[in-house]
Amino acid sequence: MSLRVLAVASEMSPLVKTGGLADVVGALPSALAHEGVETRTLIPAYPEVLDALGDGETVLSYDDLFGGPAWVHEGSFDGAIVYALVAPHLYAREGGPYADENGVDYPDNAFRFAALAWAGAEIAQGAIPGFAPDALHAHDWQAALAPAYLHYSGGPRPATIVTIHNIAFQGQYAKELLRALRLPPESFVMDGVEYYGAIGFLKAGLQLCDRITTVSPSYALEIETPEFGMGLDGLLRARADVVSGILNGVDQDVWNPATDKRIPATYDVTKLKTRAKNRAALQKRFQLEPDAEAFLLGVVSRLSWQKGHDMLLANLPSLMTRHVQLALIGAGDKHLEEGFLAAQEAYPGRVSVRIGYSEDLAHLIQAGADAFLAPSRFEPCGLTQLYALRYGAVPIVSRVGGLKDTIIDANEMAAQAGVATGVQFSPPTAEALAGALRQAEHFFKDKETWRKLQINGMKTDVSWRHPAQRYAALYREAVAARG
């Protein structure tokens, strides 16, 4: 049975990207097409989105959508149909999708993403001629009001699915905005949109959708606990029968060391020696010492407490007494940015940092680093460790969420069985990370063991094939349940 799905999200790679959400939203439609699912995606028409989509047609118009005129522009990108919500008063800005040039959240974000959800709900009910979705798939808090709008519309509606990419970001706004957000008075109850006296966008979606997913099986269990649920664990326990975890995949056309045009030398599992050229290029690009024997660690990440980079900073003095180098790109918390920049100054040629993000440098780090570090305190899924597997950069990860689910720890039994793909550590502390780094260094000095870890990782299936099968089955189950 073929299905039609409307995906609603705040970003979609390569049109607009701040993190892994965009990669998932961008890659999933083509994978679902192989499962008989047609996906069309609604995203805000940020300036870069309209530039990329180019010519198209207007398929839906609004005289007033939360403060100004708006319309839906239908375009296509890489064969996928994309609906861009054009609302100049909400999206035509110089900053990023969520914050201005200074990193300050836009004060009208409640309306910017309520507009996205409102348009999504209307399209889901057939507002665009010729497209009647069987299901609406809302990604994260920015789209999560869509199931609420559908619920309170009182009319026929498709099945609704909400995916949590990171439960730490929930979208909470003052209850005084209820009427302005076009929510009825009766919605402000515990079983509706009310959340600790405020309006909870993510909470509303999780309460009122048909199915809930998150991006790894372990994270699905973790968020039902007070430690990881960020205040929503009670709701998720109550709805546990509709919660599931589906691992993310990666776009293997974009992340493929055998064809990657962003790296100096392409290679595959049969030509691992060629990888040394990328390692040398990484050292040169980052002005690290041209040392073939140094243990070269790579990091590509948002710099935050969640991602555990304060633990890496705490370990740098000890690492710098050993034969170790670090190449890092990322941005985020100012004190972490300043800490890594200070380390770069203290250890020239050993530590090199680039504040910000570069797709080219991200590919180069994966293709050139010996090991890739992801020491998160919690991690819904993570994509960078999957890229690392593809590129033969052995992952060193904390034993949480999707990191736990995707990396096979090189413990003694796994090593004997020849199935290990990386190094895990637990609990997520600086001391446990120090032990994992020492263990990884030990493996690195044993070239045969290290090569086996690389080969195992590169042979791991991290494609969207299996996740797409699970999403397709979930859609069909949700549609069937609605009758």
Protein backbone atom coordinates (compact mmCIF):
# COMPACT_ATOMS: atom_id res chain seq x y z
CA MET A 1 0.00 0.00 0.00
CA SER A 2 1.42 3.37 -1.02
CA LEU A 3 1.24 6.20 1.50
CA ARG A 4 1.53 9.96 1.34
CA VAL A 5 3.22 11.73 4.23
CA LEU A 6 3.67 15.41 5.01
CA ALA A 7 6.85 16.05 6.99
CA VAL A 8 7.00 19.35 8.89
CA ALA A 9 10.35 20.62 10.16
CA SER A 10 12.29 23.79 10.85
CA GLU A 11 15.29 22.76 8.74
CA MET A 12 16.20 20.40 5.92
CA SER A 13 19.64 19.62 4.57
CA PRO A 14 21.14 20.87 2.33
CA LEU A 15 18.70 23.78 2.09
CA VAL A 16 19.18 24.95 5.69
CA LYS A 17 21.08 23.20 8.46
CA THR A 18 22.18 23.82 12.03
CA GLY A 19 22.50 20.20 13.13
CA GLY A 20 21.48 16.58 12.74
CA LEU A 21 17.76 17.34 12.45
CA ALA A 22 18.36 18.80 8.99
CA ASP A 23 20.29 15.72 7.86
CA VAL A 24 17.45 13.41 8.92
CA VAL A 25 14.71 15.51 7.32
CA GLY A 26 16.73 15.81 4.13
CA ALA A 27 17.68 12.15 3.75
CA LEU A 28 14.58 10.30 4.91
CA PRO A 29 12.24 11.07 1.94
CA SER A 30 14.37 9.31 -0.66
CA ALA A 31 14.82 6.30 1.62
CA LEU A 32 11.06 6.14 2.25
CA ALA A 33 10.36 6.21 -1.48
CA HIS A 34 11.81 2.69 -1.68
CA GLU A 35 9.18 1.64 0.88
CA GLY A 36 6.24 2.99 -1.10
CA VAL A 37 5.98 6.24 0.87
CA GLU A 38 5.75 9.60 -0.91
CA THR A 39 7.02 12.37 1.36
CA ARG A 40 6.58 16.09 0.86
CA THR A 41 8.28 18.40 3.33
CA LEU A 42 7.13 21.76 4.70
CA ILE A 43 9.85 24.09 5.98
CA PRO A 44 10.08 27.84 6.63
CA ALA A 45 11.20 29.91 3.64
CA TYR A 46 14.35 31.37 5.15
CA PRO A 47 16.20 33.45 2.53
CA GLU A 48 18.63 30.63 1.66
CA VAL A 49 15.74 28.21 1.15
CA LEU A 50 14.04 30.39 -1.45
CA ASP A 51 17.34 30.99 -3.20
CA ALA A 52 17.95 27.25 -3.47
CA LEU A 53 14.43 26.29 -4.57
CA GLY A 54 14.21 28.92 -7.31
CA ASP A 55 11.16 28.85 -9.56
CA GLY A 56 7.99 27.20 -8.36
CA GLU A 57 4.33 27.95 -7.83
CA THR A 58 2.16 29.28 -5.04
CA VAL A 59 -0.18 26.52 -3.87
CA LEU A 60 -1.67 28.09 -0.72
CA SER A 61 -2.10 31.70 0.45
CA TYR A 62 -2.87 33.52 3.70
CA ASP A 63 -3.97 37.13 4.08
CA ASP A 64 -2.74 37.09 7.68
CA LEU A 65 -0.63 34.34 9.19
CA PHE A 66 0.37 35.47 12.67
CA GLY A 67 1.01 39.08 11.71
CA GLY A 68 1.33 39.33 7.97
CA PRO A 69 0.58 37.79 4.58
CA ALA A 70 2.08 34.42 3.75
CA TRP A 71 2.00 31.79 1.06
CA VAL A 72 3.30 28.29 0.37
CA HIS A 73 5.80 27.99 -2.47
CA GLU A 74 6.04 24.54 -4.02
CA GLY A 75 9.45 23.69 -5.39
CA SER A 76 11.68 20.68 -5.81
CA PHE A 77 15.19 19.83 -4.71
CA ASP A 78 17.09 16.68 -5.64
CA GLY A 79 13.82 15.13 -6.77
CA ALA A 80 11.94 15.85 -3.53
CA ILE A 81 8.88 18.09 -3.38
CA VAL A 82 9.40 20.87 -0.85
CA TYR A 83 6.77 23.28 0.43
CA ALA A 84 8.41 26.50 1.60
CA LEU A 85 6.27 28.68 3.86
CA VAL A 86 6.96 32.21 2.68
CA ALA A 87 6.20 34.70 5.47
CA PRO A 88 8.56 37.67 5.15
CA HIS A 89 7.52 39.12 8.51
CA LEU A 90 8.59 35.87 10.19
CA TYR A 91 11.47 34.43 8.20
CA ALA A 92 13.16 37.10 6.04
CA ARG A 93 16.01 37.80 8.47
CA GLU A 94 19.78 38.00 8.38
CA GLY A 95 20.42 35.71 11.35
CA GLY A 96 19.98 31.96 11.68
CA PRO A 97 16.78 29.92 11.78
CA TYR A 98 16.25 30.46 15.52
CA ALA A 99 18.45 33.34 16.65
CA ASP A 100 19.95 36.61 15.46
CA GLU A 101 23.58 37.33 14.56
CA ASN A 102 24.43 37.59 18.28
CA GLY A 103 22.94 34.19 19.11
CA VAL A 104 19.89 35.68 20.85
CA ASP A 105 16.61 33.83 20.23
CA TYR A 106 14.12 35.81 18.17
CA PRO A 107 11.44 37.17 20.52
CA ASP A 108 8.65 36.05 18.18
CA ASN A 109 9.76 32.41 17.83
CA ALA A 110 6.43 31.28 19.25
CA PHE A 111 4.66 32.79 16.25
CA ARG A 112 7.33 31.83 13.73
CA PHE A 113 6.91 28.15 14.50
CA ALA A 114 3.20 28.26 15.30
CA ALA A 115 2.84 29.52 11.71
CA LEU A 116 4.81 26.52 10.45
CA ALA A 117 2.62 24.13 12.46
CA TRP A 118 -0.61 25.92 11.41
CA ALA A 119 0.24 25.63 7.72
CA GLY A 120 1.26 22.02 8.25
CA ALA A 121 -2.08 21.20 9.87
CA GLU A 122 -3.99 22.83 7.01
CA ILE A 123 -1.99 21.02 4.33
CA ALA A 124 -2.52 17.79 6.26
CA GLN A 125 -6.26 18.38 5.94
CA GLY A 126 -6.06 18.75 2.17
CA ALA A 127 -5.58 22.50 1.72
CA ILE A 128 -3.32 21.93 -1.31
CA PRO A 129 -5.30 20.47 -4.24
CA GLY A 130 -4.05 17.05 -5.32
CA PHE A 131 -2.24 16.24 -2.08
CA ALA A 132 -4.16 14.51 0.71
CA PRO A 133 -1.64 13.14 3.22
CA ASP A 134 -2.32 9.90 5.04
CA ALA A 135 -0.02 11.00 7.87
CA LEU A 136 1.67 14.12 9.23
CA HIS A 137 5.17 13.68 10.64
CA ALA A 138 6.22 16.59 12.88
CA HIS A 139 9.88 16.94 13.82
CA ASP A 140 10.80 18.47 17.19
CA TRP A 141 9.12 21.31 19.08
CA GLN A 142 9.11 23.72 16.16
CA ALA A 143 6.54 21.55 14.34
CA ALA A 144 4.87 19.93 17.34
CA LEU A 145 1.84 22.24 17.52
CA ALA A 146 0.60 20.74 14.23
CA PRO A 147 -1.01 17.70 15.95
CA ALA A 148 -2.59 20.07 18.47
CA TYR A 149 -4.08 22.27 15.74
CA LEU A 150 -5.42 19.15 14.04
CA HIS A 151 -6.83 17.80 17.30
CA TYR A 152 -8.70 21.00 18.14
CA SER A 153 -9.92 21.61 14.59
CA GLY A 154 -12.63 19.03 15.14
CA GLY A 155 -12.49 17.90 11.53
CA PRO A 156 -11.16 14.80 9.81
CA ARG A 157 -7.43 14.44 10.13
CA PRO A 158 -4.63 12.11 9.12
CA ALA A 159 -2.52 10.06 11.50
CA THR A 160 0.04 12.15 13.39
CA ILE A 161 3.58 11.27 14.42
CA VAL A 162 5.99 13.41 16.45
CA THR A 163 9.71 12.67 16.47
CA ILE A 164 11.84 13.93 19.35
CA HIS A 165 15.34 14.70 18.13
CA ASN A 166 16.38 16.26 21.45
CA ILE A 167 13.96 16.51 24.36
CA ALA A 168 16.05 19.24 25.97
CA PHE A 169 14.55 21.73 23.48
CA GLN A 170 10.82 22.02 24.12
CA GLY A 171 9.44 25.42 23.11
CA GLN A 172 7.70 26.92 26.14
CA TYR A 173 5.81 30.22 25.99
CA ALA A 174 3.59 32.33 28.22
CA LYS A 175 -0.01 31.25 28.68
CA GLU A 176 -1.11 34.77 27.74
CA LEU A 177 -0.27 33.90 24.13
CA LEU A 178 -2.96 31.20 23.96
CA ARG A 179 -5.48 33.23 21.95
CA ALA A 180 -2.80 34.83 19.76
CA LEU A 181 -1.50 31.35 18.91
CA ARG A 182 -5.02 30.40 17.76
CA LEU A 183 -5.45 27.80 20.45
CA PRO A 184 -8.91 27.46 22.02
CA PRO A 185 -9.38 28.14 25.75
CA GLU A 186 -10.22 24.48 26.38
CA SER A 187 -6.75 23.49 25.14
CA PHE A 188 -5.06 24.97 28.21
CA VAL A 189 -5.40 21.87 30.37
CA MET A 190 -2.99 19.18 31.53
CA ASP A 191 -4.17 16.83 28.78
CA GLY A 192 -3.75 19.60 26.21
CA VAL A 193 -1.09 22.25 25.68
CA GLU A 194 -0.61 23.38 29.29
CA TYR A 195 2.84 22.63 30.69
CA TYR A 196 3.85 23.90 34.14
CA GLY A 197 1.61 26.95 33.75
CA ALA A 198 2.89 27.77 30.26
CA ILE A 199 2.18 26.64 26.69
CA GLY A 200 4.41 23.72 25.79
CA PHE A 201 4.84 23.18 22.06
CA LEU A 202 6.61 19.82 22.33
CA LYS A 203 4.43 18.75 25.24
CA ALA A 204 1.29 19.50 23.21
CA GLY A 205 2.49 17.41 20.30
CA LEU A 206 3.48 14.48 22.49
CA GLN A 207 0.15 14.61 24.30
CA LEU A 208 -2.06 14.83 21.22
CA CYS A 209 -0.30 12.87 18.46
CA ASP A 210 -0.99 9.24 17.57
CA ARG A 211 2.58 7.96 17.68
CA ILE A 212 5.81 9.20 19.28
CA THR A 213 9.27 8.31 18.04
CA THR A 214 12.74 9.28 19.02
CA VAL A 215 16.01 8.62 17.29
CA SER A 216 17.39 5.58 19.11
CA PRO A 217 15.94 2.70 21.14
CA SER A 218 18.05 3.50 24.22
CA TYR A 219 17.03 7.17 24.18
CA ALA A 220 13.37 6.11 23.96
CA LEU A 221 13.83 4.32 27.28
CA GLU A 222 16.01 7.03 28.82
CA ILE A 223 13.47 9.84 28.27
CA GLU A 224 10.91 7.92 30.31
CA THR A 225 13.12 8.51 33.37
CA PRO A 226 13.44 11.70 35.45
CA GLU A 227 17.17 11.87 34.70
CA PHE A 228 16.70 12.25 30.94
CA GLY A 229 13.02 13.16 30.46
CA MET A 230 13.46 16.90 31.12
CA GLY A 231 10.08 17.11 32.84
CA LEU A 232 8.21 15.09 30.21
CA ASP A 233 9.06 11.64 31.58
CA GLY A 234 5.66 11.23 33.27
CA LEU A 235 3.79 11.94 30.03
CA LEU A 236 6.05 9.56 28.11
CA ARG A 237 5.60 6.79 30.67
CA ALA A 238 1.83 7.27 30.43
CA ARG A 239 2.04 6.97 26.64
CA ALA A 240 4.76 4.31 26.59
CA ASP A 241 2.65 2.03 24.38
CA VAL A 242 2.96 4.49 21.47
CA VAL A 243 6.64 5.43 22.00
CA SER A 244 9.36 3.82 19.91
CA GLY A 245 13.00 4.46 19.10
CA ILE A 246 14.21 4.31 15.49
CA LEU A 247 17.89 4.87 14.84
CA ASN A 248 18.92 7.52 12.36
CA GLY A 249 20.79 6.59 9.23
CA VAL A 250 23.16 8.64 7.11
CA ASP A 251 23.03 9.75 3.51
CA GLN A 252 25.58 7.40 1.99
CA ASP A 253 25.85 9.46 -1.18
CA VAL A 254 26.99 12.49 0.84
CA TRP A 255 29.08 10.58 3.39
CA ASN A 256 31.06 8.15 1.29
CA PRO A 257 34.88 8.16 1.49
CA ALA A 258 35.10 6.39 -1.87
CA THR A 259 33.43 9.27 -3.75
CA ASP A 260 33.71 12.27 -1.40
CA LYS A 261 34.83 15.33 -3.39
CA ARG A 262 35.47 17.30 -0.18
CA ILE A 263 38.51 15.23 0.82
CA PRO A 264 41.97 15.18 -0.82
CA ALA A 265 42.12 11.40 -1.33
CA THR A 266 39.20 9.01 -1.73
CA TYR A 267 39.46 5.48 -0.34
CA ASP A 268 37.44 2.49 0.79
CA VAL A 269 37.87 -0.45 3.11
CA THR A 270 40.23 -2.14 0.64
CA LYS A 271 42.43 0.96 0.29
CA LEU A 272 42.85 2.12 3.87
CA LYS A 273 46.49 3.06 3.35
CA THR A 274 45.31 5.90 1.09
CA ARG A 275 43.63 7.40 4.14
CA ALA A 276 47.06 8.56 5.35
CA LYS A 277 46.98 11.31 2.70
CA ASN A 278 43.89 12.80 4.35
CA ARG A 279 45.54 12.53 7.75
CA ALA A 280 48.52 14.51 6.49
CA ALA A 281 46.21 17.05 4.84
CA LEU A 282 44.28 17.45 8.09
CA GLN A 283 47.47 18.14 10.03
CA LYS A 284 48.58 20.69 7.44
CA ARG A 285 45.18 22.43 7.25
CA PHE A 286 44.99 22.69 11.05
CA GLN A 287 48.67 23.59 11.43
CA LEU A 288 49.37 20.52 13.52
CA GLU A 289 52.82 19.00 13.60
CA PRO A 290 53.32 16.66 10.60
CA ASP A 291 53.66 13.61 12.83
CA ALA A 292 52.72 10.22 11.37
CA GLU A 293 52.82 8.50 14.77
CA ALA A 294 50.78 10.95 16.88
CA PHE A 295 47.33 9.78 18.02
CA LEU A 296 45.13 12.32 16.20
CA LEU A 297 41.73 12.96 17.80
CA GLY A 298 38.94 14.69 15.87
CA VAL A 299 35.87 16.56 17.14
CA VAL A 300 32.99 18.06 15.12
CA SER A 301 30.32 19.28 17.49
CA ARG A 302 28.25 21.93 19.11
CA LEU A 303 30.25 22.98 22.17
CA SER A 304 28.00 22.49 25.17
CA TRP A 305 27.64 20.79 28.53
CA GLN A 306 25.38 18.18 26.90
CA LYS A 307 28.11 17.23 24.44
CA GLY A 308 30.62 16.75 27.28
CA HIS A 309 33.40 18.96 25.95
CA ASP A 310 34.20 20.34 29.36
CA MET A 311 35.35 16.78 30.14
CA LEU A 312 37.68 16.88 27.14
CA LEU A 313 39.08 20.22 28.28
CA ALA A 314 39.74 18.76 31.70
CA ASN A 315 41.75 15.94 30.10
CA LEU A 316 43.85 18.08 27.76
CA PRO A 317 46.76 18.74 30.16
CA SER A 318 47.22 15.01 30.66
CA LEU A 319 46.80 14.24 26.94
CA MET A 320 49.43 16.81 26.07
CA THR A 321 52.02 14.90 28.12
CA ARG A 322 51.50 12.02 25.68
CA HIS A 323 51.79 11.57 21.92
CA VAL A 324 48.33 13.05 21.14
CA GLN A 325 46.95 15.76 18.84
CA LEU A 326 43.48 17.33 18.64
CA ALA A 327 41.65 18.90 15.67
CA LEU A 328 38.31 20.44 16.63
CA ILE A 329 35.60 22.44 14.88
CA GLY A 330 32.54 23.67 16.70
CA ALA A 331 30.76 26.57 18.33
CA GLY A 332 28.48 27.09 21.28
CA ASP A 333 29.04 28.00 24.91
CA LYS A 334 31.45 30.93 25.12
CA HIS A 335 33.43 29.55 28.05
CA LEU A 336 34.06 26.33 26.12
CA GLU A 337 35.04 28.23 22.98
CA GLU A 338 37.45 30.31 25.06
CA GLY A 339 38.79 27.21 26.82
CA PHE A 340 39.68 25.45 23.58
CA LEU A 341 41.16 28.61 22.07
CA ALA A 342 43.33 28.96 25.19
CA ALA A 343 44.41 25.31 24.80
CA GLN A 344 45.35 26.01 21.18
CA GLU A 345 47.55 28.87 22.33
CA ALA A 346 49.09 26.77 25.11
CA TYR A 347 49.80 23.76 22.87
CA PRO A 348 50.65 25.04 19.38
CA GLY A 349 51.01 22.30 16.83
CA ARG A 350 49.26 19.88 19.18
CA VAL A 351 45.78 21.43 19.58
CA SER A 352 44.03 23.24 16.74
CA VAL A 353 40.55 24.74 16.93
CA ARG A 354 38.18 26.31 14.42
CA ILE A 355 35.21 28.12 15.97
CA GLY A 356 32.16 27.80 13.74
CA TYR A 357 31.16 25.13 11.27
CA SER A 358 32.48 24.10 7.87
CA GLU A 359 31.13 21.16 5.91
CA ASP A 360 34.50 20.80 4.15
CA LEU A 361 36.40 20.67 7.44
CA ALA A 362 33.86 18.25 8.93
CA HIS A 363 34.52 15.82 6.09
CA LEU A 364 38.28 16.31 6.37
CA ILE A 365 38.28 15.53 10.11
CA GLN A 366 36.27 12.34 9.55
CA ALA A 367 38.60 11.30 6.73
CA GLY A 368 41.85 12.18 8.51
CA ALA A 369 41.48 11.74 12.28
CA ASP A 370 42.57 8.47 13.85
CA ALA A 371 39.73 8.56 16.37
CA PHE A 372 36.54 10.60 16.65
CA LEU A 373 35.42 11.81 20.06
CA ALA A 374 31.76 12.10 21.17
CA PRO A 375 31.69 12.25 25.00
CA SER A 376 28.04 13.35 25.40
CA ARG A 377 26.26 13.31 28.74
CA PHE A 378 23.10 12.43 26.80
CA GLU A 379 22.69 11.84 23.08
CA PRO A 380 19.38 11.06 21.37
CA CYS A 381 21.16 9.41 18.44
CA GLY A 382 24.10 11.32 17.09
CA LEU A 383 25.18 11.32 13.48
CA THR A 384 28.84 12.26 13.70
CA GLN A 385 29.80 8.88 15.17
CA LEU A 386 28.02 7.23 12.21
CA TYR A 387 30.01 9.36 9.79
CA ALA A 388 33.14 8.34 11.71
CA LEU A 389 32.31 4.67 11.22
CA ARG A 390 31.95 5.25 7.47
CA TYR A 391 35.30 7.02 7.28
CA GLY A 392 37.40 4.77 9.50
CA ALA A 393 37.79 7.27 12.35
CA VAL A 394 37.35 4.99 15.35
CA PRO A 395 34.65 6.46 17.65
CA ILE A 396 35.28 7.05 21.36
CA VAL A 397 31.83 7.61 22.89
CA SER A 398 29.95 7.72 26.16
CA ARG A 399 27.57 4.84 26.81
CA VAL A 400 24.31 6.78 26.44
CA GLY A 401 21.41 6.97 23.99
CA GLY A 402 22.22 6.46 20.35
CA LEU A 403 25.97 6.34 21.00
CA LYS A 404 25.39 3.20 23.05
CA ASP A 405 23.18 1.73 20.31
CA THR A 406 25.48 2.38 17.35
CA ILE A 407 29.01 1.65 18.61
CA ILE A 408 30.15 -1.83 19.67
CA ASP A 409 32.58 -1.42 22.56
CA ALA A 410 36.01 -3.00 22.22
CA ASN A 411 35.68 -4.93 25.45
CA GLU A 412 37.56 -8.21 25.75
CA MET A 413 34.73 -10.44 24.49
CA ALA A 414 33.88 -8.17 21.55
CA ALA A 415 37.54 -7.92 20.65
CA GLN A 416 37.92 -11.70 20.74
CA ALA A 417 34.84 -12.08 18.57
CA GLY A 418 36.21 -9.51 16.13
CA VAL A 419 33.06 -7.34 16.12
CA ALA A 420 34.11 -4.20 18.01
CA THR A 421 33.84 -0.84 16.23
CA GLY A 422 34.91 1.68 18.90
CA VAL A 423 35.44 2.48 22.56
CA GLN A 424 32.63 3.26 25.02
CA PHE A 425 32.92 4.70 28.50
CA SER A 426 30.59 5.13 31.44
CA PRO A 427 29.62 7.08 33.47
CA PRO A 428 30.02 10.31 31.49
CA THR A 429 32.73 11.84 33.67
CA ALA A 430 36.16 13.29 32.99
CA GLU A 431 37.74 10.36 34.84
CA ALA A 432 35.91 7.73 32.77
CA LEU A 433 36.77 9.61 29.58
CA ALA A 434 40.43 9.60 30.62
CA GLY A 435 40.32 5.82 30.91
CA ALA A 436 38.68 5.45 27.49
CA LEU A 437 41.32 7.66 25.90
CA ARG A 438 44.12 5.59 27.44
CA GLN A 439 42.44 2.42 26.19
CA ALA A 440 42.06 3.85 22.69
CA GLU A 441 45.72 4.91 22.66
CA HIS A 442 46.67 1.35 23.62
CA PHE A 443 44.65 -0.05 20.71
CA PHE A 444 46.10 2.56 18.35
CA LYS A 445 49.64 1.37 19.07
CA ASP A 446 48.55 -2.15 18.09
CA LYS A 447 48.20 -1.53 14.34
CA GLU A 448 46.48 -4.84 13.63
CA THR A 449 43.82 -4.24 16.29
CA TRP A 450 43.29 -0.65 15.16
CA ARG A 451 42.90 -1.65 11.53
CA LYS A 452 40.31 -4.26 12.54
CA LEU A 453 38.32 -1.60 14.41
CA GLN A 454 38.43 0.63 11.34
CA ILE A 455 37.36 -2.14 8.97
CA ASN A 456 34.51 -3.24 11.24
CA GLY A 457 33.24 0.32 11.40
CA MET A 458 33.47 0.90 7.66
CA LYS A 459 31.54 -2.32 6.99
CA THR A 460 28.72 -1.38 9.40
CA ASP A 461 25.41 -0.66 7.67
CA VAL A 462 24.54 2.87 8.79
CA SER A 463 22.27 3.57 5.81
CA TRP A 464 18.65 4.65 5.96
CA ARG A 465 17.43 1.28 4.65
CA HIS A 466 16.43 -0.31 7.95
CA PRO A 467 15.21 2.94 9.60
CA ALA A 468 13.07 3.71 6.54
CA GLN A 469 11.48 0.26 6.77
CA ARG A 470 10.60 0.91 10.41
CA TYR A 471 9.18 4.37 9.71
CA ALA A 472 7.09 3.03 6.84
CA ALA A 473 5.71 0.27 9.08
CA LEU A 474 4.97 2.82 11.80
CA TYR A 475 3.11 5.10 9.38
CA ARG A 476 0.99 2.20 8.15
CA GLU A 477 0.22 1.10 11.68
CA ALA A 478 -0.83 4.63 12.69
CA VAL A 479 -2.95 5.10 9.57
CA ALA A 480 -4.66 1.74 10.06
CA ALA A 481 -5.40 2.56 13.71
CA ARG A 482 -7.24 5.72 12.65
CA GLY A 483 -9.38 3.63 10.31
